[in-house]
Amino acid sequence: MECTKCGGKMAEGTKAIFGEVFGCTRRDPEKLEELNLDRVQPYYCTECGYVEFFMEKRKG
């Protein structure tokens, strides 16, 4: 995936990268289903640090 700001490489954000800042995006799939929520995955640019969020639609 390419950064929309600088053209650098986008990497999947993890707890190690973001800490608890975006902890709500990494909930357990069963908990998301129970709450009727879609999962949101943060990605960040390895060059400029830009962050984008992508929604993963629920099944069904």
C-alpha atoms as a PDB file:
ATOM      1  CA  MET A   1       0.000   0.000   0.000  1.00  0.00           C
ATOM      2  CA  GLU A   2       1.288   3.468  -0.865  1.00  0.00           C
ATOM      3  CA  CYS A   3       1.008   6.607   1.303  1.00  0.00           C
ATOM      4  CA  THR A   4      -1.421   9.136  -0.161  1.00  0.00           C
ATOM      5  CA  LYS A   5       0.679  12.033   1.166  1.00  0.00           C
ATOM      6  CA  CYS A   6       4.280  11.201   0.234  1.00  0.00           C
ATOM      7  CA  GLY A   7       4.168   7.955  -1.752  1.00  0.00           C
ATOM      8  CA  GLY A   8       6.036   6.021   0.964  1.00  0.00           C
ATOM      9  CA  LYS A   9       5.194   2.529   2.189  1.00  0.00           C
ATOM     10  CA  MET A  10       2.202   2.048   4.495  1.00  0.00           C
ATOM     11  CA  ALA A  11       2.560  -0.562   7.266  1.00  0.00           C
ATOM     12  CA  GLU A  12      -0.133  -2.140   9.420  1.00  0.00           C
ATOM     13  CA  GLY A  13      -0.304  -0.492  12.825  1.00  0.00           C
ATOM     14  CA  THR A  14       0.111  -2.784  15.819  1.00  0.00           C
ATOM     15  CA  LYS A  15      -0.113  -2.417  19.564  1.00  0.00           C
ATOM     16  CA  ALA A  16       3.704  -2.280  19.648  1.00  0.00           C
ATOM     17  CA  ILE A  17       3.605   0.759  17.328  1.00  0.00           C
ATOM     18  CA  PHE A  18       0.550   2.642  18.633  1.00  0.00           C
ATOM     19  CA  GLY A  19       0.367   1.402  22.233  1.00  0.00           C
ATOM     20  CA  GLU A  20      -3.115   1.867  23.657  1.00  0.00           C
ATOM     21  CA  VAL A  21      -3.861   4.955  21.557  1.00  0.00           C
ATOM     22  CA  PHE A  22      -5.875   2.960  19.016  1.00  0.00           C
ATOM     23  CA  GLY A  23      -6.671   0.007  21.261  1.00  0.00           C
ATOM     24  CA  CYS A  24     -10.369   0.241  20.420  1.00  0.00           C
ATOM     25  CA  THR A  25      -9.578  -0.745  16.823  1.00  0.00           C
ATOM     26  CA  ARG A  26      -8.174  -4.137  17.807  1.00  0.00           C
ATOM     27  CA  ARG A  27     -11.044  -5.650  19.745  1.00  0.00           C
ATOM     28  CA  ASP A  28     -11.710  -9.367  19.764  1.00  0.00           C
ATOM     29  CA  PRO A  29     -13.802 -10.373  16.683  1.00  0.00           C
ATOM     30  CA  GLU A  30     -16.459 -11.972  18.916  1.00  0.00           C
ATOM     31  CA  LYS A  31     -16.765  -8.756  20.950  1.00  0.00           C
ATOM     32  CA  LEU A  32     -17.106  -6.708  17.759  1.00  0.00           C
ATOM     33  CA  GLU A  33     -19.861  -9.048  16.548  1.00  0.00           C
ATOM     34  CA  GLU A  34     -21.609  -8.813  19.911  1.00  0.00           C
ATOM     35  CA  LEU A  35     -21.492  -4.994  19.750  1.00  0.00           C
ATOM     36  CA  ASN A  36     -22.471  -5.003  16.039  1.00  0.00           C
ATOM     37  CA  LEU A  37     -19.304  -3.081  15.103  1.00  0.00           C
ATOM     38  CA  ASP A  38     -16.911  -3.209  12.153  1.00  0.00           C
ATOM     39  CA  ARG A  39     -13.169  -3.591  12.789  1.00  0.00           C
ATOM     40  CA  VAL A  40     -10.981  -0.591  11.993  1.00  0.00           C
ATOM     41  CA  GLN A  41      -7.306  -1.178  11.152  1.00  0.00           C
ATOM     42  CA  PRO A  42      -4.805   1.691  11.362  1.00  0.00           C
ATOM     43  CA  TYR A  43      -1.942   1.896   8.853  1.00  0.00           C
ATOM     44  CA  TYR A  44       0.975   4.307   9.095  1.00  0.00           C
ATOM     45  CA  CYS A  45       3.538   5.587   6.604  1.00  0.00           C
ATOM     46  CA  THR A  46       7.082   4.418   7.337  1.00  0.00           C
ATOM     47  CA  GLU A  47       8.428   7.586   5.684  1.00  0.00           C
ATOM     48  CA  CYS A  48       6.320  10.521   6.951  1.00  0.00           C
ATOM     49  CA  GLY A  49       4.246   8.986   9.782  1.00  0.00           C
ATOM     50  CA  TYR A  50       0.843   9.705   8.188  1.00  0.00           C
ATOM     51  CA  VAL A  51      -1.916   7.491   9.624  1.00  0.00           C
ATOM     52  CA  GLU A  52      -4.966   6.157   7.747  1.00  0.00           C
ATOM     53  CA  PHE A  53      -7.785   3.969   9.011  1.00  0.00           C
ATOM     54  CA  PHE A  54      -9.464   1.231   6.998  1.00  0.00           C
ATOM     55  CA  MET A  55     -12.726  -0.416   7.993  1.00  0.00           C
ATOM     56  CA  GLU A  56     -13.062  -4.163   7.623  1.00  0.00           C
ATOM     57  CA  LYS A  57     -16.736  -4.922   7.025  1.00  0.00           C
ATOM     58  CA  ARG A  58     -18.529  -7.486   9.158  1.00  0.00           C
ATOM     59  CA  LYS A  59     -19.507 -10.750   7.626  1.00  0.00           C
ATOM     60  CA  GLY A  60     -23.149 -11.209   6.800  1.00  0.00           C
END
